[in-house]
Amino acid sequence: MTPEQLEEIQRLRDRKVAPKQIARKLGLRPAEVKLAIQRKAAVQQQESLAKGELPPIEACFANSTMVSALLTDKDPEFSGSAGLGTVMVVRQQRSGFAAATFLLDYYCLGVKDASSRKLNSAAKYQQMKEVVFSKFAEDTAEISLRQAQASVWGAVDYARQL
């Protein structure tokens, strides 16, 4: 594909022209146009990340026992999951959401597990939230990004000290 074709694809995409229509106009296969669009989007995303630009935060969650143990002045209510907690951070994406979860052992091991996942709808996001926090008998609390970061990094620092 020539640089001129790539520029024309970008110009037409900026005008909200569908990939199939672009392919017809330029005499290309739709798969070639889609691949060019995806590559351009990946490059733009990498450039944004390199500049430190991140998609906006949708929400952050944690199980309430961990919140009371780490993020409040109240005495924690101990339960069967004492010492274990989950933090979930969700960011808005162009095509849905991106979620990261951290399983914390905040009294000993630090971060036991971490995972991330792209979710293409709000329903999938809610479903993932329910699955992640179903392991805890208590409620889920919404927390700030600072509190989520403090919980994860605090658990890591505490484990290093042991």
N, C-alpha and C. Protein backbone atom coordinates (compact mmCIF):
# COMPACT_ATOMS: atom_id res chain seq x y z
N MET A 1 0.86 -1.18 0.00
CA MET A 1 0.00 0.00 0.00
C MET A 1 0.90 1.24 0.00
N THR A 2 0.56 2.18 -0.82
CA THR A 2 1.38 3.38 -0.96
C THR A 2 1.09 4.39 0.15
N PRO A 3 2.03 5.28 0.40
CA PRO A 3 1.78 6.33 1.41
C PRO A 3 0.58 7.22 1.03
N GLU A 4 0.40 7.43 -0.28
CA GLU A 4 -0.75 8.24 -0.72
C GLU A 4 -2.07 7.56 -0.38
N GLN A 5 -2.10 6.23 -0.56
CA GLN A 5 -3.31 5.48 -0.21
C GLN A 5 -3.58 5.54 1.30
N LEU A 6 -2.52 5.42 2.09
CA LEU A 6 -2.68 5.50 3.54
C LEU A 6 -3.22 6.87 3.96
N GLU A 7 -2.70 7.92 3.35
CA GLU A 7 -3.19 9.27 3.65
C GLU A 7 -4.66 9.42 3.25
N GLU A 8 -5.02 8.87 2.10
CA GLU A 8 -6.41 8.95 1.64
C GLU A 8 -7.34 8.16 2.56
N ILE A 9 -6.87 7.00 3.03
CA ILE A 9 -7.66 6.21 3.98
C ILE A 9 -7.91 7.03 5.24
N GLN A 10 -6.87 7.67 5.75
CA GLN A 10 -7.02 8.47 6.97
C GLN A 10 -7.96 9.65 6.74
N ARG A 11 -7.81 10.31 5.61
CA ARG A 11 -8.67 11.45 5.30
C ARG A 11 -10.14 11.02 5.22
N LEU A 12 -10.39 9.88 4.57
CA LEU A 12 -11.77 9.39 4.46
C LEU A 12 -12.31 8.91 5.81
N ARG A 13 -11.47 8.28 6.62
CA ARG A 13 -11.91 7.84 7.96
C ARG A 13 -12.25 9.04 8.83
N ASP A 14 -11.49 10.12 8.69
CA ASP A 14 -11.80 11.34 9.44
C ASP A 14 -13.17 11.89 9.06
N ARG A 15 -13.59 11.60 7.84
CA ARG A 15 -14.92 12.03 7.37
C ARG A 15 -15.98 10.97 7.66
N LYS A 16 -15.63 9.93 8.45
CA LYS A 16 -16.55 8.86 8.88
C LYS A 16 -17.02 7.97 7.74
N VAL A 17 -16.16 7.76 6.72
CA VAL A 17 -16.48 6.86 5.62
C VAL A 17 -16.16 5.43 6.07
N ALA A 18 -17.06 4.49 5.76
CA ALA A 18 -16.90 3.10 6.16
C ALA A 18 -15.74 2.44 5.40
N PRO A 19 -15.07 1.47 6.03
CA PRO A 19 -13.94 0.79 5.38
C PRO A 19 -14.29 0.17 4.02
N LYS A 20 -15.48 -0.41 3.90
CA LYS A 20 -15.87 -1.02 2.61
C LYS A 20 -15.96 0.04 1.51
N GLN A 21 -16.50 1.19 1.86
CA GLN A 21 -16.61 2.27 0.88
C GLN A 21 -15.23 2.80 0.50
N ILE A 22 -14.34 2.89 1.47
CA ILE A 22 -12.96 3.33 1.19
C ILE A 22 -12.29 2.34 0.24
N ALA A 23 -12.47 1.04 0.52
CA ALA A 23 -11.86 0.01 -0.31
C ALA A 23 -12.36 0.12 -1.75
N ARG A 24 -13.67 0.31 -1.94
CA ARG A 24 -14.23 0.46 -3.29
C ARG A 24 -13.63 1.66 -4.00
N LYS A 25 -13.56 2.77 -3.28
CA LYS A 25 -13.07 4.00 -3.89
C LYS A 25 -11.60 3.89 -4.31
N LEU A 26 -10.78 3.21 -3.49
CA LEU A 26 -9.35 3.12 -3.77
C LEU A 26 -8.96 1.85 -4.54
N GLY A 27 -9.93 0.97 -4.80
CA GLY A 27 -9.64 -0.26 -5.52
C GLY A 27 -8.84 -1.26 -4.69
N LEU A 28 -9.08 -1.27 -3.38
CA LEU A 28 -8.40 -2.19 -2.48
C LEU A 28 -9.39 -3.20 -1.91
N ARG A 29 -8.84 -4.23 -1.29
CA ARG A 29 -9.71 -5.18 -0.59
C ARG A 29 -10.10 -4.59 0.77
N PRO A 30 -11.32 -4.84 1.23
CA PRO A 30 -11.74 -4.31 2.54
C PRO A 30 -10.81 -4.74 3.68
N ALA A 31 -10.28 -5.96 3.60
CA ALA A 31 -9.37 -6.44 4.65
C ALA A 31 -8.11 -5.59 4.72
N GLU A 32 -7.61 -5.15 3.56
CA GLU A 32 -6.42 -4.30 3.53
C GLU A 32 -6.70 -2.95 4.20
N VAL A 33 -7.87 -2.40 3.92
CA VAL A 33 -8.25 -1.12 4.50
C VAL A 33 -8.41 -1.25 6.01
N LYS A 34 -9.08 -2.31 6.45
CA LYS A 34 -9.26 -2.52 7.90
C LYS A 34 -7.91 -2.65 8.60
N LEU A 35 -7.00 -3.39 7.99
CA LEU A 35 -5.67 -3.57 8.58
C LEU A 35 -4.93 -2.24 8.68
N ALA A 36 -5.03 -1.42 7.64
CA ALA A 36 -4.38 -0.10 7.66
C ALA A 36 -4.98 0.77 8.76
N ILE A 37 -6.30 0.73 8.93
CA ILE A 37 -6.98 1.51 9.98
C ILE A 37 -6.54 1.04 11.35
N GLN A 38 -6.47 -0.29 11.55
CA GLN A 38 -6.07 -0.85 12.85
C GLN A 38 -4.62 -0.48 13.17
N ARG A 39 -3.75 -0.55 12.17
CA ARG A 39 -2.35 -0.19 12.41
C ARG A 39 -2.21 1.28 12.80
N LYS A 40 -2.94 2.13 12.11
CA LYS A 40 -2.91 3.57 12.42
C LYS A 40 -3.41 3.81 13.85
N ALA A 41 -4.49 3.13 14.24
CA ALA A 41 -5.03 3.28 15.59
C ALA A 41 -4.03 2.81 16.63
N ALA A 42 -3.33 1.71 16.35
CA ALA A 42 -2.34 1.19 17.29
C ALA A 42 -1.18 2.17 17.45
N VAL A 43 -0.75 2.76 16.35
CA VAL A 43 0.33 3.75 16.41
C VAL A 43 -0.10 4.97 17.22
N GLN A 44 -1.33 5.44 16.97
CA GLN A 44 -1.84 6.59 17.73
C GLN A 44 -1.95 6.28 19.21
N GLN A 45 -2.38 5.06 19.54
CA GLN A 45 -2.49 4.67 20.94
C GLN A 45 -1.11 4.63 21.60
N GLN A 46 -0.11 4.08 20.91
CA GLN A 46 1.24 4.04 21.45
C GLN A 46 1.81 5.44 21.64
N GLU A 47 1.52 6.34 20.72
CA GLU A 47 1.99 7.72 20.85
C GLU A 47 1.34 8.39 22.05
N SER A 48 0.05 8.14 22.25
CA SER A 48 -0.65 8.71 23.41
C SER A 48 -0.07 8.18 24.71
N LEU A 49 0.19 6.88 24.77
CA LEU A 49 0.76 6.29 25.97
C LEU A 49 2.16 6.83 26.23
N ALA A 50 2.94 7.02 25.17
CA ALA A 50 4.29 7.56 25.33
C ALA A 50 4.27 8.98 25.89
N LYS A 51 3.21 9.73 25.56
CA LYS A 51 3.06 11.09 26.07
C LYS A 51 2.49 11.09 27.49
N GLY A 52 2.08 9.93 27.98
CA GLY A 52 1.49 9.85 29.30
C GLY A 52 -0.01 10.09 29.31
N GLU A 53 -0.63 10.10 28.15
CA GLU A 53 -2.08 10.30 28.05
C GLU A 53 -2.77 8.95 28.20
N LEU A 54 -3.68 8.87 29.13
CA LEU A 54 -4.43 7.64 29.36
C LEU A 54 -5.92 7.90 29.20
N PRO A 55 -6.68 6.88 28.83
CA PRO A 55 -8.13 7.05 28.77
C PRO A 55 -8.67 7.37 30.17
N PRO A 56 -9.83 8.03 30.24
CA PRO A 56 -10.37 8.42 31.55
C PRO A 56 -10.81 7.21 32.39
N ILE A 57 -10.73 7.39 33.69
CA ILE A 57 -11.16 6.36 34.63
C ILE A 57 -12.69 6.36 34.68
N GLU A 58 -13.27 5.19 34.55
CA GLU A 58 -14.72 5.02 34.70
C GLU A 58 -15.05 4.88 36.18
N ALA A 59 -14.35 3.96 36.86
CA ALA A 59 -14.60 3.73 38.29
C ALA A 59 -13.52 2.83 38.86
N CYS A 60 -13.40 2.86 40.19
CA CYS A 60 -12.51 1.97 40.93
C CYS A 60 -13.33 1.34 42.05
N PHE A 61 -13.09 0.06 42.32
CA PHE A 61 -13.85 -0.65 43.34
C PHE A 61 -12.92 -1.47 44.21
N ALA A 62 -13.38 -1.76 45.43
CA ALA A 62 -12.69 -2.66 46.35
C ALA A 62 -13.73 -3.30 47.25
N ASN A 63 -13.38 -4.44 47.82
CA ASN A 63 -14.30 -5.05 48.79
C ASN A 63 -14.28 -4.24 50.08
N SER A 64 -15.43 -4.14 50.74
CA SER A 64 -15.58 -3.21 51.86
C SER A 64 -14.73 -3.55 53.08
N THR A 65 -14.42 -4.83 53.31
CA THR A 65 -13.55 -5.19 54.43
C THR A 65 -12.17 -4.59 54.25
N MET A 66 -11.65 -4.68 53.05
CA MET A 66 -10.34 -4.10 52.77
C MET A 66 -10.38 -2.58 52.90
N VAL A 67 -11.45 -1.98 52.43
CA VAL A 67 -11.59 -0.52 52.53
C VAL A 67 -11.56 -0.10 53.99
N SER A 68 -12.32 -0.80 54.84
CA SER A 68 -12.34 -0.41 56.26
C SER A 68 -11.01 -0.70 56.94
N ALA A 69 -10.29 -1.74 56.50
CA ALA A 69 -9.00 -2.08 57.11
C ALA A 69 -7.90 -1.12 56.69
N LEU A 70 -7.93 -0.66 55.44
CA LEU A 70 -6.80 0.12 54.93
C LEU A 70 -7.09 1.60 54.70
N LEU A 71 -8.32 1.93 54.41
CA LEU A 71 -8.59 3.28 53.93
C LEU A 71 -9.45 4.14 54.86
N THR A 72 -9.80 3.63 56.03
CA THR A 72 -10.57 4.42 56.98
C THR A 72 -9.92 4.35 58.35
N ASP A 73 -10.41 5.19 59.24
CA ASP A 73 -9.90 5.19 60.61
C ASP A 73 -10.67 4.22 61.51
N LYS A 74 -11.74 3.61 60.96
CA LYS A 74 -12.55 2.68 61.74
C LYS A 74 -11.80 1.37 61.96
N ASP A 75 -12.17 0.66 63.03
CA ASP A 75 -11.64 -0.68 63.24
C ASP A 75 -12.21 -1.60 62.18
N PRO A 76 -11.37 -2.40 61.55
CA PRO A 76 -11.86 -3.27 60.49
C PRO A 76 -12.77 -4.36 61.03
N GLU A 77 -13.76 -4.71 60.22
CA GLU A 77 -14.64 -5.83 60.54
C GLU A 77 -14.01 -7.06 59.92
N PHE A 78 -13.48 -7.96 60.75
CA PHE A 78 -12.81 -9.13 60.21
C PHE A 78 -13.84 -10.18 59.82
N SER A 79 -13.54 -10.83 58.68
CA SER A 79 -14.41 -11.90 58.20
C SER A 79 -13.51 -13.01 57.70
N GLY A 80 -14.08 -13.97 57.03
CA GLY A 80 -13.31 -15.08 56.49
C GLY A 80 -12.28 -14.64 55.48
N SER A 81 -12.45 -13.47 54.91
CA SER A 81 -11.50 -12.99 53.91
C SER A 81 -10.53 -11.97 54.50
N ALA A 82 -10.38 -11.95 55.84
CA ALA A 82 -9.50 -10.96 56.48
C ALA A 82 -8.10 -11.07 55.91
N GLY A 83 -7.59 -9.95 55.45
CA GLY A 83 -6.27 -9.92 54.87
C GLY A 83 -6.26 -10.04 53.36
N LEU A 84 -7.38 -10.46 52.78
CA LEU A 84 -7.48 -10.55 51.32
C LEU A 84 -8.44 -9.49 50.81
N GLY A 85 -8.08 -8.91 49.70
CA GLY A 85 -8.95 -7.91 49.10
C GLY A 85 -8.73 -7.83 47.61
N THR A 86 -9.68 -7.25 46.93
CA THR A 86 -9.57 -7.07 45.49
C THR A 86 -9.80 -5.61 45.15
N VAL A 87 -8.96 -5.11 44.26
CA VAL A 87 -9.12 -3.77 43.72
C VAL A 87 -9.37 -3.93 42.22
N MET A 88 -10.36 -3.21 41.73
CA MET A 88 -10.68 -3.24 40.30
C MET A 88 -10.69 -1.81 39.79
N VAL A 89 -9.91 -1.55 38.74
CA VAL A 89 -9.85 -0.22 38.12
C VAL A 89 -10.37 -0.36 36.69
N VAL A 90 -11.33 0.49 36.33
CA VAL A 90 -11.95 0.42 35.00
C VAL A 90 -11.73 1.74 34.28
N ARG A 91 -11.23 1.66 33.06
CA ARG A 91 -11.04 2.83 32.20
C ARG A 91 -11.97 2.76 31.01
N GLN A 92 -12.44 3.93 30.57
CA GLN A 92 -13.23 4.00 29.35
C GLN A 92 -12.28 3.87 28.17
N GLN A 93 -12.71 3.15 27.16
CA GLN A 93 -11.95 3.00 25.93
C GLN A 93 -12.84 3.45 24.77
N ARG A 94 -12.24 3.59 23.60
CA ARG A 94 -13.04 3.96 22.44
C ARG A 94 -14.13 2.93 22.16
N SER A 95 -13.79 1.67 22.34
CA SER A 95 -14.74 0.60 22.02
C SER A 95 -15.16 -0.18 23.26
N GLY A 96 -15.43 0.50 24.35
CA GLY A 96 -15.88 -0.20 25.56
C GLY A 96 -15.10 0.22 26.78
N PHE A 97 -14.56 -0.78 27.49
CA PHE A 97 -13.87 -0.55 28.74
C PHE A 97 -12.63 -1.44 28.82
N ALA A 98 -11.69 -1.04 29.66
CA ALA A 98 -10.53 -1.86 30.00
C ALA A 98 -10.52 -1.95 31.53
N ALA A 99 -10.42 -3.17 32.04
CA ALA A 99 -10.46 -3.37 33.48
C ALA A 99 -9.20 -4.09 33.94
N ALA A 100 -8.66 -3.64 35.07
CA ALA A 100 -7.52 -4.30 35.70
C ALA A 100 -7.95 -4.69 37.11
N THR A 101 -7.63 -5.92 37.51
CA THR A 101 -7.97 -6.38 38.86
C THR A 101 -6.70 -6.82 39.57
N PHE A 102 -6.67 -6.58 40.87
CA PHE A 102 -5.53 -6.93 41.71
C PHE A 102 -6.05 -7.66 42.94
N LEU A 103 -5.59 -8.88 43.15
CA LEU A 103 -5.91 -9.63 44.37
C LEU A 103 -4.79 -9.36 45.35
N LEU A 104 -5.14 -8.77 46.49
CA LEU A 104 -4.15 -8.35 47.48
C LEU A 104 -4.22 -9.19 48.74
N ASP A 105 -3.08 -9.57 49.26
CA ASP A 105 -2.94 -10.10 50.61
C ASP A 105 -2.24 -8.98 51.36
N TYR A 106 -3.02 -8.06 51.91
CA TYR A 106 -2.44 -6.83 52.46
C TYR A 106 -1.83 -6.99 53.83
N TYR A 107 -1.90 -8.20 54.43
CA TYR A 107 -1.24 -8.43 55.70
C TYR A 107 0.06 -9.22 55.54
N CYS A 108 0.39 -9.68 54.32
CA CYS A 108 1.59 -10.50 54.19
C CYS A 108 2.22 -10.46 52.80
N LEU A 109 1.59 -11.05 51.81
CA LEU A 109 2.25 -11.32 50.54
C LEU A 109 2.21 -10.19 49.52
N GLY A 110 1.41 -9.16 49.75
CA GLY A 110 1.31 -8.08 48.77
C GLY A 110 0.33 -8.42 47.67
N VAL A 111 0.74 -8.25 46.42
CA VAL A 111 -0.13 -8.55 45.28
C VAL A 111 0.01 -10.04 44.96
N LYS A 112 -1.07 -10.78 45.12
CA LYS A 112 -1.06 -12.21 44.83
C LYS A 112 -1.33 -12.49 43.36
N ASP A 113 -2.14 -11.65 42.73
CA ASP A 113 -2.51 -11.87 41.34
C ASP A 113 -2.95 -10.55 40.73
N ALA A 114 -2.71 -10.40 39.44
CA ALA A 114 -3.16 -9.21 38.71
C ALA A 114 -3.56 -9.65 37.32
N SER A 115 -4.60 -9.03 36.78
CA SER A 115 -5.03 -9.35 35.42
C SER A 115 -5.69 -8.13 34.80
N SER A 116 -5.76 -8.15 33.48
CA SER A 116 -6.46 -7.08 32.78
C SER A 116 -7.30 -7.70 31.67
N ARG A 117 -8.31 -6.94 31.27
CA ARG A 117 -9.23 -7.46 30.26
C ARG A 117 -9.92 -6.30 29.57
N LYS A 118 -10.12 -6.45 28.25
CA LYS A 118 -10.90 -5.49 27.49
C LYS A 118 -12.34 -5.97 27.46
N LEU A 119 -13.26 -5.05 27.69
CA LEU A 119 -14.68 -5.37 27.73
C LEU A 119 -15.40 -4.50 26.72
N ASN A 120 -16.18 -5.11 25.84
CA ASN A 120 -16.77 -4.34 24.75
C ASN A 120 -18.14 -3.74 25.04
N SER A 121 -18.64 -3.90 26.25
CA SER A 121 -19.95 -3.31 26.58
C SER A 121 -20.07 -3.08 28.08
N ALA A 122 -21.03 -2.24 28.44
CA ALA A 122 -21.29 -1.97 29.86
C ALA A 122 -21.80 -3.23 30.56
N ALA A 123 -22.55 -4.04 29.83
CA ALA A 123 -23.07 -5.29 30.42
C ALA A 123 -21.92 -6.24 30.78
N LYS A 124 -20.92 -6.35 29.91
CA LYS A 124 -19.76 -7.21 30.19
C LYS A 124 -18.96 -6.65 31.38
N TYR A 125 -18.88 -5.34 31.46
CA TYR A 125 -18.18 -4.68 32.57
C TYR A 125 -18.88 -5.01 33.89
N GLN A 126 -20.19 -4.88 33.93
CA GLN A 126 -20.95 -5.18 35.15
C GLN A 126 -20.84 -6.67 35.50
N GLN A 127 -20.88 -7.51 34.49
CA GLN A 127 -20.76 -8.95 34.70
C GLN A 127 -19.39 -9.29 35.30
N MET A 128 -18.34 -8.68 34.78
CA MET A 128 -17.00 -8.94 35.32
C MET A 128 -16.90 -8.46 36.77
N LYS A 129 -17.47 -7.30 37.05
CA LYS A 129 -17.45 -6.77 38.43
C LYS A 129 -18.14 -7.75 39.38
N GLU A 130 -19.28 -8.28 38.97
CA GLU A 130 -20.00 -9.25 39.82
C GLU A 130 -19.17 -10.51 40.05
N VAL A 131 -18.53 -11.02 39.01
CA VAL A 131 -17.72 -12.23 39.15
C VAL A 131 -16.52 -11.99 40.05
N VAL A 132 -15.83 -10.87 39.84
CA VAL A 132 -14.63 -10.57 40.62
C VAL A 132 -14.94 -10.45 42.11
N PHE A 133 -16.04 -9.79 42.44
CA PHE A 133 -16.35 -9.55 43.85
C PHE A 133 -17.29 -10.60 44.46
N SER A 134 -17.70 -11.60 43.70
CA SER A 134 -18.58 -12.65 44.23
C SER A 134 -17.87 -13.51 45.26
N LYS A 135 -16.55 -13.48 45.27
CA LYS A 135 -15.77 -14.29 46.23
C LYS A 135 -15.81 -13.72 47.64
N PHE A 136 -16.33 -12.50 47.77
CA PHE A 136 -16.38 -11.84 49.08
C PHE A 136 -17.84 -11.73 49.52
N ALA A 137 -18.08 -12.04 50.79
CA ALA A 137 -19.44 -11.99 51.31
C ALA A 137 -19.93 -10.56 51.51
N GLU A 138 -19.00 -9.63 51.71
CA GLU A 138 -19.39 -8.25 51.98
C GLU A 138 -19.66 -7.47 50.70
N ASP A 139 -20.08 -6.23 50.89
CA ASP A 139 -20.40 -5.35 49.77
C ASP A 139 -19.13 -4.88 49.06
N THR A 140 -19.37 -4.32 47.89
CA THR A 140 -18.31 -3.69 47.12
C THR A 140 -18.42 -2.19 47.31
N ALA A 141 -17.29 -1.53 47.51
CA ALA A 141 -17.28 -0.08 47.70
C ALA A 141 -16.58 0.59 46.53
N GLU A 142 -17.13 1.73 46.10
CA GLU A 142 -16.46 2.51 45.07
C GLU A 142 -15.41 3.37 45.76
N ILE A 143 -14.20 3.38 45.22
CA ILE A 143 -13.10 4.15 45.80
C ILE A 143 -12.49 5.04 44.71
N SER A 144 -11.64 5.95 45.13
CA SER A 144 -10.97 6.83 44.16
C SER A 144 -9.76 6.12 43.56
N LEU A 145 -9.24 6.67 42.49
CA LEU A 145 -8.04 6.11 41.88
C LEU A 145 -6.87 6.18 42.86
N ARG A 146 -6.76 7.28 43.59
CA ARG A 146 -5.68 7.40 44.58
C ARG A 146 -5.76 6.31 45.64
N GLN A 147 -6.97 6.01 46.09
CA GLN A 147 -7.14 4.95 47.09
C GLN A 147 -6.79 3.58 46.49
N ALA A 148 -7.17 3.36 45.24
CA ALA A 148 -6.84 2.09 44.58
C ALA A 148 -5.33 1.95 44.47
N GLN A 149 -4.66 3.01 44.03
CA GLN A 149 -3.21 2.97 43.91
C GLN A 149 -2.55 2.78 45.28
N ALA A 150 -3.05 3.49 46.28
CA ALA A 150 -2.48 3.38 47.62
C ALA A 150 -2.63 1.96 48.17
N SER A 151 -3.75 1.32 47.88
CA SER A 151 -3.98 -0.05 48.35
C SER A 151 -3.00 -1.02 47.70
N VAL A 152 -2.86 -0.93 46.40
CA VAL A 152 -1.98 -1.86 45.69
C VAL A 152 -0.52 -1.61 46.04
N TRP A 153 -0.07 -0.36 45.91
CA TRP A 153 1.34 -0.08 46.21
C TRP A 153 1.65 -0.24 47.70
N GLY A 154 0.68 0.05 48.55
CA GLY A 154 0.87 -0.14 50.00
C GLY A 154 1.04 -1.62 50.34
N ALA A 155 0.27 -2.49 49.71
CA ALA A 155 0.41 -3.93 49.94
C ALA A 155 1.78 -4.43 49.46
N VAL A 156 2.23 -3.91 48.33
CA VAL A 156 3.56 -4.29 47.81
C VAL A 156 4.65 -3.83 48.78
N ASP A 157 4.57 -2.58 49.24
CA ASP A 157 5.58 -2.06 50.16
C ASP A 157 5.60 -2.82 51.48
N TYR A 158 4.40 -3.11 52.01
CA TYR A 158 4.31 -3.86 53.27
C TYR A 158 4.93 -5.25 53.13
N ALA A 159 4.65 -5.93 52.02
CA ALA A 159 5.21 -7.26 51.81
C ALA A 159 6.73 -7.21 51.69
N ARG A 160 7.26 -6.16 51.06
CA ARG A 160 8.72 -6.04 50.95
C ARG A 160 9.38 -5.87 52.30
N GLN A 161 8.69 -5.24 53.23
CA GLN A 161 9.26 -5.02 54.56
C GLN A 161 9.34 -6.30 55.39
N LEU A 162 8.51 -7.27 55.07
CA LEU A 162 8.46 -8.50 55.88
C LEU A 162 9.63 -9.41 55.66
